[in-house]
Amino acid sequence: MDNTITFDDFAKIDLRVGTIIEVNDFPEAKTPAYQLTIDFGDLGIKKSSAQITKRYTKGNLLNKQVIAVVNFPKKQIAKFMSACLVLGAVNGDDVILLKPEVKLKNGTPVN
């Protein structure tokens, strides 16, 4: 494995549980995507762009809990500022969101 990291490297990644509270189309994105607004509890509300339109509709994303990296610097994507990275498993050209097995408090850390 070429990209081996240390536990200290991994410990720098802040993974948290959040609930999607708003989903909008993102027509300016180069690849079909949604603009997500996610509630991370005490960490606040963060936005993310997600290329998950193949599997998910706006309706079935609303109120879904997801896992996201919340300590990346903000990134400009077209006219949208993304402040976290929602995690998903890539299966060909499909992305399956990672989510908790049971409902958790928004902001719960993932270790």
C-alpha atoms as a PDB file:
ATOM      1  CA  MET A   1       0.000   0.000   0.000  1.00  0.00           C
ATOM      2  CA  ASP A   2       1.619   3.247  -1.164  1.00  0.00           C
ATOM      3  CA  ASN A   3      -0.482   5.753   0.796  1.00  0.00           C
ATOM      4  CA  THR A   4       0.012   4.435   4.317  1.00  0.00           C
ATOM      5  CA  ILE A   5      -0.839   6.973   7.014  1.00  0.00           C
ATOM      6  CA  THR A   6      -0.170   6.966  10.734  1.00  0.00           C
ATOM      7  CA  PHE A   7      -2.826   6.895  13.418  1.00  0.00           C
ATOM      8  CA  ASP A   8      -1.880  10.522  14.155  1.00  0.00           C
ATOM      9  CA  ASP A   9      -2.717  11.384  10.525  1.00  0.00           C
ATOM     10  CA  PHE A  10      -6.096   9.659  10.836  1.00  0.00           C
ATOM     11  CA  ALA A  11      -6.801  11.365  14.177  1.00  0.00           C
ATOM     12  CA  LYS A  12      -6.664  14.754  12.422  1.00  0.00           C
ATOM     13  CA  ILE A  13      -9.792  13.885  10.400  1.00  0.00           C
ATOM     14  CA  ASP A  14     -12.953  15.074  12.162  1.00  0.00           C
ATOM     15  CA  LEU A  15     -15.766  12.749  11.080  1.00  0.00           C
ATOM     16  CA  ARG A  16     -19.242  13.608  12.365  1.00  0.00           C
ATOM     17  CA  VAL A  17     -22.860  12.543  12.013  1.00  0.00           C
ATOM     18  CA  GLY A  18     -25.212  15.135  10.560  1.00  0.00           C
ATOM     19  CA  THR A  19     -28.761  15.346   9.251  1.00  0.00           C
ATOM     20  CA  ILE A  20     -29.539  16.717   5.797  1.00  0.00           C
ATOM     21  CA  ILE A  21     -32.041  19.540   6.326  1.00  0.00           C
ATOM     22  CA  GLU A  22     -32.136  21.014   2.811  1.00  0.00           C
ATOM     23  CA  VAL A  23     -31.433  19.691  -0.696  1.00  0.00           C
ATOM     24  CA  ASN A  24     -31.222  21.820  -3.827  1.00  0.00           C
ATOM     25  CA  ASP A  25     -30.356  21.148  -7.444  1.00  0.00           C
ATOM     26  CA  PHE A  26     -26.897  22.339  -8.504  1.00  0.00           C
ATOM     27  CA  PRO A  27     -27.222  23.079 -12.236  1.00  0.00           C
ATOM     28  CA  GLU A  28     -23.864  24.942 -12.351  1.00  0.00           C
ATOM     29  CA  ALA A  29     -21.903  21.821 -11.317  1.00  0.00           C
ATOM     30  CA  LYS A  30     -19.825  20.151 -14.059  1.00  0.00           C
ATOM     31  CA  THR A  31     -21.068  16.725 -12.932  1.00  0.00           C
ATOM     32  CA  PRO A  32     -24.691  16.329 -11.769  1.00  0.00           C
ATOM     33  CA  ALA A  33     -24.833  17.148  -8.051  1.00  0.00           C
ATOM     34  CA  TYR A  34     -26.979  18.418  -5.222  1.00  0.00           C
ATOM     35  CA  GLN A  35     -26.302  21.237  -2.795  1.00  0.00           C
ATOM     36  CA  LEU A  36     -26.830  19.837   0.700  1.00  0.00           C
ATOM     37  CA  THR A  37     -27.375  21.754   3.930  1.00  0.00           C
ATOM     38  CA  ILE A  38     -26.469  19.566   6.906  1.00  0.00           C
ATOM     39  CA  ASP A  39     -27.126  20.075  10.630  1.00  0.00           C
ATOM     40  CA  PHE A  40     -24.152  18.991  12.775  1.00  0.00           C
ATOM     41  CA  GLY A  41     -25.689  19.986  16.119  1.00  0.00           C
ATOM     42  CA  ASP A  42     -23.312  22.042  18.267  1.00  0.00           C
ATOM     43  CA  LEU A  43     -20.906  22.335  15.292  1.00  0.00           C
ATOM     44  CA  GLY A  44     -23.592  24.227  13.377  1.00  0.00           C
ATOM     45  CA  ILE A  45     -24.958  24.053   9.859  1.00  0.00           C
ATOM     46  CA  LYS A  46     -22.600  23.241   6.978  1.00  0.00           C
ATOM     47  CA  LYS A  47     -23.098  23.001   3.233  1.00  0.00           C
ATOM     48  CA  SER A  48     -21.724  20.426   0.828  1.00  0.00           C
ATOM     49  CA  SER A  49     -21.893  19.619  -2.857  1.00  0.00           C
ATOM     50  CA  ALA A  50     -22.529  15.928  -3.487  1.00  0.00           C
ATOM     51  CA  GLN A  51     -22.486  13.995  -6.777  1.00  0.00           C
ATOM     52  CA  ILE A  52     -25.182  11.561  -5.676  1.00  0.00           C
ATOM     53  CA  THR A  53     -27.984  12.280  -8.161  1.00  0.00           C
ATOM     54  CA  LYS A  54     -27.885   8.809  -9.752  1.00  0.00           C
ATOM     55  CA  ARG A  55     -29.072   6.964  -6.633  1.00  0.00           C
ATOM     56  CA  TYR A  56     -30.818   9.640  -4.552  1.00  0.00           C
ATOM     57  CA  THR A  57     -33.686  12.042  -5.122  1.00  0.00           C
ATOM     58  CA  LYS A  58     -34.028  15.290  -3.219  1.00  0.00           C
ATOM     59  CA  GLY A  59     -37.004  13.826  -1.373  1.00  0.00           C
ATOM     60  CA  ASN A  60     -35.258  10.726  -0.084  1.00  0.00           C
ATOM     61  CA  LEU A  61     -32.213  12.731   1.066  1.00  0.00           C
ATOM     62  CA  LEU A  62     -34.155  15.129   3.268  1.00  0.00           C
ATOM     63  CA  ASN A  63     -33.767  14.201   6.973  1.00  0.00           C
ATOM     64  CA  LYS A  64     -31.269  11.418   6.153  1.00  0.00           C
ATOM     65  CA  GLN A  65     -28.308  11.150   8.500  1.00  0.00           C
ATOM     66  CA  VAL A  66     -24.874  11.035   6.887  1.00  0.00           C
ATOM     67  CA  ILE A  67     -21.206  10.877   7.870  1.00  0.00           C
ATOM     68  CA  ALA A  68     -19.005  13.793   6.812  1.00  0.00           C
ATOM     69  CA  VAL A  69     -15.522  15.227   7.244  1.00  0.00           C
ATOM     70  CA  VAL A  70     -16.141  18.580   8.903  1.00  0.00           C
ATOM     71  CA  ASN A  71     -12.613  19.989   9.256  1.00  0.00           C
ATOM     72  CA  PHE A  72     -11.664  20.557   5.628  1.00  0.00           C
ATOM     73  CA  PRO A  73     -11.132  24.154   4.525  1.00  0.00           C
ATOM     74  CA  LYS A  74     -14.066  25.589   2.569  1.00  0.00           C
ATOM     75  CA  LYS A  75     -13.931  24.925  -1.172  1.00  0.00           C
ATOM     76  CA  GLN A  76     -15.519  27.001  -3.941  1.00  0.00           C
ATOM     77  CA  ILE A  77     -17.444  24.828  -6.415  1.00  0.00           C
ATOM     78  CA  ALA A  78     -18.908  27.030  -9.154  1.00  0.00           C
ATOM     79  CA  LYS A  79     -20.833  29.711  -7.193  1.00  0.00           C
ATOM     80  CA  PHE A  80     -21.266  27.440  -4.159  1.00  0.00           C
ATOM     81  CA  MET A  81     -19.061  27.237  -1.051  1.00  0.00           C
ATOM     82  CA  SER A  82     -18.707  23.672   0.266  1.00  0.00           C
ATOM     83  CA  ALA A  83     -17.710  23.417   3.944  1.00  0.00           C
ATOM     84  CA  CYS A  84     -17.695  19.642   4.531  1.00  0.00           C
ATOM     85  CA  LEU A  85     -17.259  16.371   2.621  1.00  0.00           C
ATOM     86  CA  VAL A  86     -20.095  13.847   2.778  1.00  0.00           C
ATOM     87  CA  LEU A  87     -18.725  10.298   2.633  1.00  0.00           C
ATOM     88  CA  GLY A  88     -19.910   7.580   0.294  1.00  0.00           C
ATOM     89  CA  ALA A  89     -18.718   4.304  -1.140  1.00  0.00           C
ATOM     90  CA  VAL A  90     -18.034   4.463  -4.890  1.00  0.00           C
ATOM     91  CA  ASN A  91     -19.458   1.588  -6.912  1.00  0.00           C
ATOM     92  CA  GLY A  92     -18.632   2.249 -10.566  1.00  0.00           C
ATOM     93  CA  ASP A  93     -20.370   5.539 -11.374  1.00  0.00           C
ATOM     94  CA  ASP A  94     -22.733   5.230  -8.395  1.00  0.00           C
ATOM     95  CA  VAL A  95     -22.134   6.588  -4.873  1.00  0.00           C
ATOM     96  CA  ILE A  96     -23.755   5.017  -1.804  1.00  0.00           C
ATOM     97  CA  LEU A  97     -23.812   7.340   1.203  1.00  0.00           C
ATOM     98  CA  LEU A  98     -22.316   6.171   4.494  1.00  0.00           C
ATOM     99  CA  LYS A  99     -24.800   6.543   7.327  1.00  0.00           C
ATOM    100  CA  PRO A 100     -25.289   5.447  10.928  1.00  0.00           C
ATOM    101  CA  GLU A 101     -27.217   2.248  11.522  1.00  0.00           C
ATOM    102  CA  VAL A 102     -29.417   3.986  14.110  1.00  0.00           C
ATOM    103  CA  LYS A 103     -30.435   7.632  14.561  1.00  0.00           C
ATOM    104  CA  LEU A 104     -27.744   9.545  16.450  1.00  0.00           C
ATOM    105  CA  LYS A 105     -27.412  13.040  17.869  1.00  0.00           C
ATOM    106  CA  ASN A 106     -26.205  15.481  15.216  1.00  0.00           C
ATOM    107  CA  GLY A 107     -22.514  16.165  15.702  1.00  0.00           C
ATOM    108  CA  THR A 108     -21.729  12.730  17.142  1.00  0.00           C
ATOM    109  CA  PRO A 109     -18.067  11.947  16.420  1.00  0.00           C
ATOM    110  CA  VAL A 110     -17.121   8.944  14.316  1.00  0.00           C
ATOM    111  CA  ASN A 111     -13.982   7.165  15.541  1.00  0.00           C
END
